[in-house]
Amino acid sequence: MGRWLIPEVYPLVGAMALVGGMVVFSLARHATMNPAVRIWKEGRKDAMLDNTEEGRRYVDNGFRNYLRTQSPQIFVRANRFFSDPDKS
């Protein structure tokens, strides 16, 4: 194992750790919060689920609600500078 722990490999290890963390987060979120996933038997026994409110809560999460209030621009100052140089 010591053969791979050289300084040149640190960025690769860091990137793989970040991606692994993102995968674990995504799997945990979908397994615990997705309205279509039923882990316990009581939730799976119904053939037709009436979970529209649960699905709405899942889709309208806090991050998406935050993005709705933001401007859909990436470089706001640069866009403002090049579109109207008098105000910048």
PDB file of N, CA and C in Angstrom:
ATOM      1  N   MET A   1       0.817  -1.203   0.000  1.00  0.00           N
ATOM      2  CA  MET A   1       0.000   0.000   0.000  1.00  0.00           C
ATOM      3  C   MET A   1       0.861   1.269   0.000  1.00  0.00           C
ATOM      4  N   GLY A   2       2.046   1.191   0.583  1.00  0.00           N
ATOM      5  CA  GLY A   2       2.913   2.352   0.634  1.00  0.00           C
ATOM      6  C   GLY A   2       3.390   2.802  -0.730  1.00  0.00           C
ATOM      7  N   ARG A   3       3.361   1.911  -1.684  1.00  0.00           N
ATOM      8  CA  ARG A   3       3.789   2.228  -3.033  1.00  0.00           C
ATOM      9  C   ARG A   3       2.865   3.254  -3.697  1.00  0.00           C
ATOM     10  N   TRP A   4       1.585   3.286  -3.313  1.00  0.00           N
ATOM     11  CA  TRP A   4       0.616   4.191  -3.929  1.00  0.00           C
ATOM     12  C   TRP A   4       0.471   5.507  -3.185  1.00  0.00           C
ATOM     13  N   LEU A   5       1.000   5.610  -2.000  1.00  0.00           N
ATOM     14  CA  LEU A   5       0.848   6.837  -1.221  1.00  0.00           C
ATOM     15  C   LEU A   5       2.011   7.792  -1.440  1.00  0.00           C
ATOM     16  N   ILE A   6       2.212   8.172  -2.671  1.00  0.00           N
ATOM     17  CA  ILE A   6       3.210   9.176  -3.009  1.00  0.00           C
ATOM     18  C   ILE A   6       2.473  10.480  -3.287  1.00  0.00           C
ATOM     19  N   PRO A   7       3.144  11.623  -3.127  1.00  0.00           N
ATOM     20  CA  PRO A   7       2.449  12.915  -3.274  1.00  0.00           C
ATOM     21  C   PRO A   7       1.753  13.129  -4.610  1.00  0.00           C
ATOM     22  N   GLU A   8       2.212  12.498  -5.668  1.00  0.00           N
ATOM     23  CA  GLU A   8       1.581  12.678  -6.969  1.00  0.00           C
ATOM     24  C   GLU A   8       0.197  12.054  -7.035  1.00  0.00           C
ATOM     25  N   VAL A   9      -0.101  11.129  -6.139  1.00  0.00           N
ATOM     26  CA  VAL A   9      -1.375  10.414  -6.163  1.00  0.00           C
ATOM     27  C   VAL A   9      -2.417  11.095  -5.268  1.00  0.00           C
ATOM     28  N   TYR A  10      -2.001  12.036  -4.407  1.00  0.00           N
ATOM     29  CA  TYR A  10      -2.930  12.687  -3.477  1.00  0.00           C
ATOM     30  C   TYR A  10      -4.140  13.321  -4.166  1.00  0.00           C
ATOM     31  N   PRO A  11      -3.986  14.059  -5.271  1.00  0.00           N
ATOM     32  CA  PRO A  11      -5.182  14.625  -5.921  1.00  0.00           C
ATOM     33  C   PRO A  11      -6.152  13.552  -6.423  1.00  0.00           C
ATOM     34  N   LEU A  12      -5.619  12.465  -6.927  1.00  0.00           N
ATOM     35  CA  LEU A  12      -6.476  11.382  -7.397  1.00  0.00           C
ATOM     36  C   LEU A  12      -7.232  10.745  -6.241  1.00  0.00           C
ATOM     37  N   VAL A  13      -6.548  10.524  -5.126  1.00  0.00           N
ATOM     38  CA  VAL A  13      -7.200   9.952  -3.949  1.00  0.00           C
ATOM     39  C   VAL A  13      -8.265  10.915  -3.432  1.00  0.00           C
ATOM     40  N   GLY A  14      -7.948  12.208  -3.416  1.00  0.00           N
ATOM     41  CA  GLY A  14      -8.924  13.201  -2.970  1.00  0.00           C
ATOM     42  C   GLY A  14     -10.153  13.249  -3.871  1.00  0.00           C
ATOM     43  N   ALA A  15      -9.931  13.204  -5.179  1.00  0.00           N
ATOM     44  CA  ALA A  15     -11.055  13.218  -6.123  1.00  0.00           C
ATOM     45  C   ALA A  15     -11.922  11.974  -5.968  1.00  0.00           C
ATOM     46  N   MET A  16     -11.290  10.829  -5.810  1.00  0.00           N
ATOM     47  CA  MET A  16     -12.056   9.587  -5.648  1.00  0.00           C
ATOM     48  C   MET A  16     -12.814   9.582  -4.332  1.00  0.00           C
ATOM     49  N   ALA A  17     -12.224  10.143  -3.275  1.00  0.00           N
ATOM     50  CA  ALA A  17     -12.932  10.232  -1.999  1.00  0.00           C
ATOM     51  C   ALA A  17     -14.142  11.157  -2.117  1.00  0.00           C
ATOM     52  N   LEU A  18     -13.990  12.266  -2.833  1.00  0.00           N
ATOM     53  CA  LEU A  18     -15.113  13.188  -3.036  1.00  0.00           C
ATOM     54  C   LEU A  18     -16.236  12.511  -3.820  1.00  0.00           C
ATOM     55  N   VAL A  19     -15.891  11.817  -4.900  1.00  0.00           N
ATOM     56  CA  VAL A  19     -16.902  11.135  -5.707  1.00  0.00           C
ATOM     57  C   VAL A  19     -17.569  10.018  -4.895  1.00  0.00           C
ATOM     58  N   GLY A  20     -16.783   9.294  -4.120  1.00  0.00           N
ATOM     59  CA  GLY A  20     -17.366   8.249  -3.270  1.00  0.00           C
ATOM     60  C   GLY A  20     -18.327   8.830  -2.250  1.00  0.00           C
ATOM     61  N   GLY A  21     -17.992   9.968  -1.679  1.00  0.00           N
ATOM     62  CA  GLY A  21     -18.891  10.637  -0.747  1.00  0.00           C
ATOM     63  C   GLY A  21     -20.177  11.090  -1.414  1.00  0.00           C
ATOM     64  N   MET A  22     -20.065  11.586  -2.645  1.00  0.00           N
ATOM     65  CA  MET A  22     -21.263  12.004  -3.378  1.00  0.00           C
ATOM     66  C   MET A  22     -22.163  10.818  -3.688  1.00  0.00           C
ATOM     67  N   VAL A  23     -21.570   9.682  -4.018  1.00  0.00           N
ATOM     68  CA  VAL A  23     -22.354   8.480  -4.302  1.00  0.00           C
ATOM     69  C   VAL A  23     -23.073   8.006  -3.050  1.00  0.00           C
ATOM     70  N   VAL A  24     -22.373   7.981  -1.926  1.00  0.00           N
ATOM     71  CA  VAL A  24     -23.000   7.556  -0.668  1.00  0.00           C
ATOM     72  C   VAL A  24     -24.129   8.507  -0.289  1.00  0.00           C
ATOM     73  N   PHE A  25     -23.910   9.817  -0.445  1.00  0.00           N
ATOM     74  CA  PHE A  25     -24.960  10.792  -0.141  1.00  0.00           C
ATOM     75  C   PHE A  25     -26.181  10.576  -1.025  1.00  0.00           C
ATOM     76  N   SER A  26     -25.959  10.391  -2.321  1.00  0.00           N
ATOM     77  CA  SER A  26     -27.073  10.205  -3.249  1.00  0.00           C
ATOM     78  C   SER A  26     -27.846   8.928  -2.941  1.00  0.00           C
ATOM     79  N   LEU A  27     -27.131   7.842  -2.705  1.00  0.00           N
ATOM     80  CA  LEU A  27     -27.815   6.590  -2.386  1.00  0.00           C
ATOM     81  C   LEU A  27     -28.604   6.694  -1.084  1.00  0.00           C
ATOM     82  N   ALA A  28     -28.011   7.315  -0.074  1.00  0.00           N
ATOM     83  CA  ALA A  28     -28.711   7.466   1.203  1.00  0.00           C
ATOM     84  C   ALA A  28     -29.943   8.351   1.042  1.00  0.00           C
ATOM     85  N   ARG A  29     -29.825   9.427   0.264  1.00  0.00           N
ATOM     86  CA  ARG A  29     -30.967  10.326   0.069  1.00  0.00           C
ATOM     87  C   ARG A  29     -32.097   9.617  -0.659  1.00  0.00           C
ATOM     88  N   HIS A  30     -31.774   8.899  -1.713  1.00  0.00           N
ATOM     89  CA  HIS A  30     -32.816   8.227  -2.479  1.00  0.00           C
ATOM     90  C   HIS A  30     -33.433   7.062  -1.705  1.00  0.00           C
ATOM     91  N   ALA A  31     -32.632   6.364  -0.931  1.00  0.00           N
ATOM     92  CA  ALA A  31     -33.159   5.223  -0.176  1.00  0.00           C
ATOM     93  C   ALA A  31     -34.030   5.667   0.981  1.00  0.00           C
ATOM     94  N   THR A  32     -33.760   6.833   1.552  1.00  0.00           N
ATOM     95  CA  THR A  32     -34.525   7.257   2.726  1.00  0.00           C
ATOM     96  C   THR A  32     -35.631   8.255   2.410  1.00  0.00           C
ATOM     97  N   MET A  33     -35.498   9.054   1.368  1.00  0.00           N
ATOM     98  CA  MET A  33     -36.464  10.124   1.140  1.00  0.00           C
ATOM     99  C   MET A  33     -37.325   9.947  -0.102  1.00  0.00           C
ATOM    100  N   ASN A  34     -36.949   9.109  -1.029  1.00  0.00           N
ATOM    101  CA  ASN A  34     -37.701   8.947  -2.265  1.00  0.00           C
ATOM    102  C   ASN A  34     -39.063   8.311  -1.977  1.00  0.00           C
ATOM    103  N   PRO A  35     -40.160   8.925  -2.415  1.00  0.00           N
ATOM    104  CA  PRO A  35     -41.483   8.372  -2.137  1.00  0.00           C
ATOM    105  C   PRO A  35     -41.754   7.051  -2.847  1.00  0.00           C
ATOM    106  N   ALA A  36     -41.006   6.716  -3.878  1.00  0.00           N
ATOM    107  CA  ALA A  36     -41.237   5.458  -4.581  1.00  0.00           C
ATOM    108  C   ALA A  36     -40.523   4.282  -3.927  1.00  0.00           C
ATOM    109  N   VAL A  37     -39.617   4.556  -3.010  1.00  0.00           N
ATOM    110  CA  VAL A  37     -38.867   3.492  -2.332  1.00  0.00           C
ATOM    111  C   VAL A  37     -39.562   3.158  -1.023  1.00  0.00           C
ATOM    112  N   ARG A  38     -39.935   1.917  -0.869  1.00  0.00           N
ATOM    113  CA  ARG A  38     -40.575   1.444   0.363  1.00  0.00           C
ATOM    114  C   ARG A  38     -39.716   0.327   0.950  1.00  0.00           C
ATOM    115  N   ILE A  39     -39.069   0.607   2.044  1.00  0.00           N
ATOM    116  CA  ILE A  39     -38.174  -0.366   2.652  1.00  0.00           C
ATOM    117  C   ILE A  39     -38.948  -1.337   3.543  1.00  0.00           C
ATOM    118  N   TRP A  40     -39.872  -0.833   4.329  1.00  0.00           N
ATOM    119  CA  TRP A  40     -40.613  -1.673   5.281  1.00  0.00           C
ATOM    120  C   TRP A  40     -41.810  -2.323   4.602  1.00  0.00           C
ATOM    121  N   LYS A  41     -42.196  -3.454   5.099  1.00  0.00           N
ATOM    122  CA  LYS A  41     -43.275  -4.248   4.512  1.00  0.00           C
ATOM    123  C   LYS A  41     -44.615  -3.504   4.544  1.00  0.00           C
ATOM    124  N   GLU A  42     -44.854  -2.727   5.593  1.00  0.00           N
ATOM    125  CA  GLU A  42     -46.124  -1.980   5.690  1.00  0.00           C
ATOM    126  C   GLU A  42     -46.271  -1.005   4.529  1.00  0.00           C
ATOM    127  N   GLY A  43     -45.184  -0.411   4.103  1.00  0.00           N
ATOM    128  CA  GLY A  43     -45.237   0.533   2.988  1.00  0.00           C
ATOM    129  C   GLY A  43     -45.385  -0.139   1.642  1.00  0.00           C
ATOM    130  N   ARG A  44     -44.955  -1.397   1.527  1.00  0.00           N
ATOM    131  CA  ARG A  44     -45.008  -2.088   0.242  1.00  0.00           C
ATOM    132  C   ARG A  44     -46.298  -2.863   0.024  1.00  0.00           C
ATOM    133  N   LYS A  45     -47.111  -3.020   1.041  1.00  0.00           N
ATOM    134  CA  LYS A  45     -48.288  -3.886   0.892  1.00  0.00           C
ATOM    135  C   LYS A  45     -49.382  -3.250   0.039  1.00  0.00           C
ATOM    136  N   ASP A  46     -49.426  -1.931  -0.051  1.00  0.00           N
ATOM    137  CA  ASP A  46     -50.434  -1.259  -0.878  1.00  0.00           C
ATOM    138  C   ASP A  46     -50.003  -1.272  -2.335  1.00  0.00           C
ATOM    139  N   ALA A  47     -50.910  -1.696  -3.198  1.00  0.00           N
ATOM    140  CA  ALA A  47     -50.576  -1.738  -4.621  1.00  0.00           C
ATOM    141  C   ALA A  47     -50.564  -0.336  -5.220  1.00  0.00           C
ATOM    142  N   MET A  48     -51.480   0.525  -4.787  1.00  0.00           N
ATOM    143  CA  MET A  48     -51.577   1.874  -5.315  1.00  0.00           C
ATOM    144  C   MET A  48     -51.356   2.850  -4.169  1.00  0.00           C
ATOM    145  N   LEU A  49     -50.359   3.682  -4.278  1.00  0.00           N
ATOM    146  CA  LEU A  49     -50.027   4.616  -3.217  1.00  0.00           C
ATOM    147  C   LEU A  49     -50.578   5.997  -3.541  1.00  0.00           C
ATOM    148  N   ASP A  50     -51.124   6.636  -2.536  1.00  0.00           N
ATOM    149  CA  ASP A  50     -51.581   8.013  -2.677  1.00  0.00           C
ATOM    150  C   ASP A  50     -50.571   8.891  -1.936  1.00  0.00           C
ATOM    151  N   ASN A  51     -49.476   9.151  -2.595  1.00  0.00           N
ATOM    152  CA  ASN A  51     -48.401   9.898  -1.945  1.00  0.00           C
ATOM    153  C   ASN A  51     -48.002  11.139  -2.748  1.00  0.00           C
ATOM    154  N   THR A  52     -48.984  11.857  -3.231  1.00  0.00           N
ATOM    155  CA  THR A  52     -48.669  13.042  -4.028  1.00  0.00           C
ATOM    156  C   THR A  52     -48.013  14.120  -3.179  1.00  0.00           C
ATOM    157  N   GLU A  53     -48.462  14.282  -1.939  1.00  0.00           N
ATOM    158  CA  GLU A  53     -47.852  15.298  -1.076  1.00  0.00           C
ATOM    159  C   GLU A  53     -46.417  14.917  -0.723  1.00  0.00           C
ATOM    160  N   GLU A  54     -46.171  13.658  -0.486  1.00  0.00           N
ATOM    161  CA  GLU A  54     -44.811  13.194  -0.198  1.00  0.00           C
ATOM    162  C   GLU A  54     -43.915  13.390  -1.413  1.00  0.00           C
ATOM    163  N   GLY A  55     -44.429  13.120  -2.585  1.00  0.00           N
ATOM    164  CA  GLY A  55     -43.665  13.338  -3.806  1.00  0.00           C
ATOM    165  C   GLY A  55     -43.391  14.802  -4.052  1.00  0.00           C
ATOM    166  N   ARG A  56     -44.345  15.661  -3.744  1.00  0.00           N
ATOM    167  CA  ARG A  56     -44.154  17.103  -3.904  1.00  0.00           C
ATOM    168  C   ARG A  56     -43.066  17.609  -2.959  1.00  0.00           C
ATOM    169  N   ARG A  57     -43.070  17.101  -1.722  1.00  0.00           N
ATOM    170  CA  ARG A  57     -42.024  17.490  -0.767  1.00  0.00           C
ATOM    171  C   ARG A  57     -40.656  17.013  -1.232  1.00  0.00           C
ATOM    172  N   TYR A  58     -40.600  15.848  -1.855  1.00  0.00           N
ATOM    173  CA  TYR A  58     -39.331  15.299  -2.341  1.00  0.00           C
ATOM    174  C   TYR A  58     -38.790  16.127  -3.508  1.00  0.00           C
ATOM    175  N   VAL A  59     -39.663  16.530  -4.400  1.00  0.00           N
ATOM    176  CA  VAL A  59     -39.228  17.294  -5.571  1.00  0.00           C
ATOM    177  C   VAL A  59     -38.898  18.736  -5.201  1.00  0.00           C
ATOM    178  N   ASP A  60     -39.698  19.353  -4.354  1.00  0.00           N
ATOM    179  CA  ASP A  60     -39.474  20.750  -3.968  1.00  0.00           C
ATOM    180  C   ASP A  60     -38.624  20.806  -2.706  1.00  0.00           C
ATOM    181  N   ASN A  61     -37.374  20.385  -2.807  1.00  0.00           N
ATOM    182  CA  ASN A  61     -36.497  20.403  -1.651  1.00  0.00           C
ATOM    183  C   ASN A  61     -35.962  21.806  -1.421  1.00  0.00           C
ATOM    184  N   GLY A  62     -35.253  22.002  -0.330  1.00  0.00           N
ATOM    185  CA  GLY A  62     -34.768  23.326   0.045  1.00  0.00           C
ATOM    186  C   GLY A  62     -33.807  23.931  -0.953  1.00  0.00           C
ATOM    187  N   PHE A  63     -32.936  23.123  -1.530  1.00  0.00           N
ATOM    188  CA  PHE A  63     -31.977  23.648  -2.503  1.00  0.00           C
ATOM    189  C   PHE A  63     -32.685  24.144  -3.756  1.00  0.00           C
ATOM    190  N   ARG A  64     -33.674  23.417  -4.221  1.00  0.00           N
ATOM    191  CA  ARG A  64     -34.421  23.834  -5.405  1.00  0.00           C
ATOM    192  C   ARG A  64     -35.239  25.093  -5.113  1.00  0.00           C
ATOM    193  N   ASN A  65     -35.810  25.195  -3.922  1.00  0.00           N
ATOM    194  CA  ASN A  65     -36.531  26.411  -3.559  1.00  0.00           C
ATOM    195  C   ASN A  65     -35.595  27.612  -3.496  1.00  0.00           C
ATOM    196  N   TYR A  66     -34.371  27.413  -3.021  1.00  0.00           N
ATOM    197  CA  TYR A  66     -33.382  28.493  -2.996  1.00  0.00           C
ATOM    198  C   TYR A  66     -33.026  28.938  -4.413  1.00  0.00           C
ATOM    199  N   LEU A  67     -32.851  27.982  -5.319  1.00  0.00           N
ATOM    200  CA  LEU A  67     -32.474  28.326  -6.688  1.00  0.00           C
ATOM    201  C   LEU A  67     -33.581  29.072  -7.426  1.00  0.00           C
ATOM    202  N   ARG A  68     -34.822  28.869  -7.028  1.00  0.00           N
ATOM    203  CA  ARG A  68     -35.929  29.589  -7.686  1.00  0.00           C
ATOM    204  C   ARG A  68     -35.854  31.085  -7.443  1.00  0.00           C
ATOM    205  N   THR A  69     -35.256  31.508  -6.325  1.00  0.00           N
ATOM    206  CA  THR A  69     -35.179  32.932  -6.001  1.00  0.00           C
ATOM    207  C   THR A  69     -33.935  33.592  -6.575  1.00  0.00           C
ATOM    208  N   GLN A  70     -33.010  32.814  -7.150  1.00  0.00           N
ATOM    209  CA  GLN A  70     -31.755  33.353  -7.658  1.00  0.00           C
ATOM    210  C   GLN A  70     -31.850  33.657  -9.149  1.00  0.00           C
ATOM    211  N   SER A  71     -30.988  34.535  -9.587  1.00  0.00           N
ATOM    212  CA  SER A  71     -30.908  34.885 -10.997  1.00  0.00           C
ATOM    213  C   SER A  71     -30.272  33.726 -11.763  1.00  0.00           C
ATOM    214  N   PRO A  72     -30.781  33.375 -12.943  1.00  0.00           N
ATOM    215  CA  PRO A  72     -30.230  32.228 -13.677  1.00  0.00           C
ATOM    216  C   PRO A  72     -28.975  32.578 -14.478  1.00  0.00           C
ATOM    217  N   GLN A  73     -28.084  33.349 -13.886  1.00  0.00           N
ATOM    218  CA  GLN A  73     -26.849  33.735 -14.555  1.00  0.00           C
ATOM    219  C   GLN A  73     -25.667  33.165 -13.769  1.00  0.00           C
ATOM    220  N   ILE A  74     -24.615  32.850 -14.472  1.00  0.00           N
ATOM    221  CA  ILE A  74     -23.432  32.314 -13.808  1.00  0.00           C
ATOM    222  C   ILE A  74     -22.499  33.446 -13.397  1.00  0.00           C
ATOM    223  N   PHE A  75     -22.148  34.312 -14.309  1.00  0.00           N
ATOM    224  CA  PHE A  75     -21.269  35.431 -14.010  1.00  0.00           C
ATOM    225  C   PHE A  75     -22.096  36.714 -14.045  1.00  0.00           C
ATOM    226  N   VAL A  76     -22.743  37.030 -12.947  1.00  0.00           N
ATOM    227  CA  VAL A  76     -23.682  38.146 -12.910  1.00  0.00           C
ATOM    228  C   VAL A  76     -22.970  39.467 -13.168  1.00  0.00           C
ATOM    229  N   ARG A  77     -21.834  39.704 -12.512  1.00  0.00           N
ATOM    230  CA  ARG A  77     -21.134  40.978 -12.705  1.00  0.00           C
ATOM    231  C   ARG A  77     -20.589  41.114 -14.128  1.00  0.00           C
ATOM    232  N   ALA A  78     -20.068  40.024 -14.674  1.00  0.00           N
ATOM    233  CA  ALA A  78     -19.544  40.083 -16.045  1.00  0.00           C
ATOM    234  C   ALA A  78     -20.683  40.323 -17.036  1.00  0.00           C
ATOM    235  N   ASN A  79     -21.818  39.685 -16.838  1.00  0.00           N
ATOM    236  CA  ASN A  79     -22.964  39.908 -17.725  1.00  0.00           C
ATOM    237  C   ASN A  79     -23.438  41.350 -17.636  1.00  0.00           C
ATOM    238  N   ARG A  80     -23.486  41.881 -16.417  1.00  0.00           N
ATOM    239  CA  ARG A  80     -23.919  43.258 -16.232  1.00  0.00           C
ATOM    240  C   ARG A  80     -22.909  44.228 -16.864  1.00  0.00           C
ATOM    241  N   PHE A  81     -21.619  43.932 -16.730  1.00  0.00           N
ATOM    242  CA  PHE A  81     -20.581  44.789 -17.284  1.00  0.00           C
ATOM    243  C   PHE A  81     -20.650  44.853 -18.801  1.00  0.00           C
ATOM    244  N   PHE A  82     -20.814  43.713 -19.446  1.00  0.00           N
ATOM    245  CA  PHE A  82     -20.826  43.701 -20.901  1.00  0.00           C
ATOM    246  C   PHE A  82     -22.165  44.101 -21.501  1.00  0.00           C
ATOM    247  N   SER A  83     -23.245  43.989 -20.763  1.00  0.00           N
ATOM    248  CA  SER A  83     -24.532  44.374 -21.314  1.00  0.00           C
ATOM    249  C   SER A  83     -24.824  45.856 -21.120  1.00  0.00           C
ATOM    250  N   ASP A  84     -24.354  46.437 -20.019  1.00  0.00           N
ATOM    251  CA  ASP A  84     -24.601  47.856 -19.759  1.00  0.00           C
ATOM    252  C   ASP A  84     -23.383  48.453 -19.075  1.00  0.00           C
ATOM    253  N   PRO A  85     -22.379  48.880 -19.849  1.00  0.00           N
ATOM    254  CA  PRO A  85     -21.133  49.370 -19.237  1.00  0.00           C
ATOM    255  C   PRO A  85     -21.308  50.682 -18.486  1.00  0.00           C
ATOM    256  N   ASP A  86     -22.377  51.446 -18.737  1.00  0.00           N
ATOM    257  CA  ASP A  86     -22.571  52.716 -18.045  1.00  0.00           C
ATOM    258  C   ASP A  86     -22.883  52.507 -16.556  1.00  0.00           C
ATOM    259  N   LYS A  87     -23.583  51.469 -16.205  1.00  0.00           N
ATOM    260  CA  LYS A  87     -23.975  51.226 -14.810  1.00  0.00           C
ATOM    261  C   LYS A  87     -22.889  50.519 -14.001  1.00  0.00           C
ATOM    262  N   SER A  88     -21.898  49.955 -14.670  1.00  0.00           N
ATOM    263  CA  SER A  88     -20.869  49.176 -13.951  1.00  0.00           C
ATOM    264  C   SER A  88     -19.751  50.043 -13.471  1.00  0.00           C
TER     265      SER A  88
END
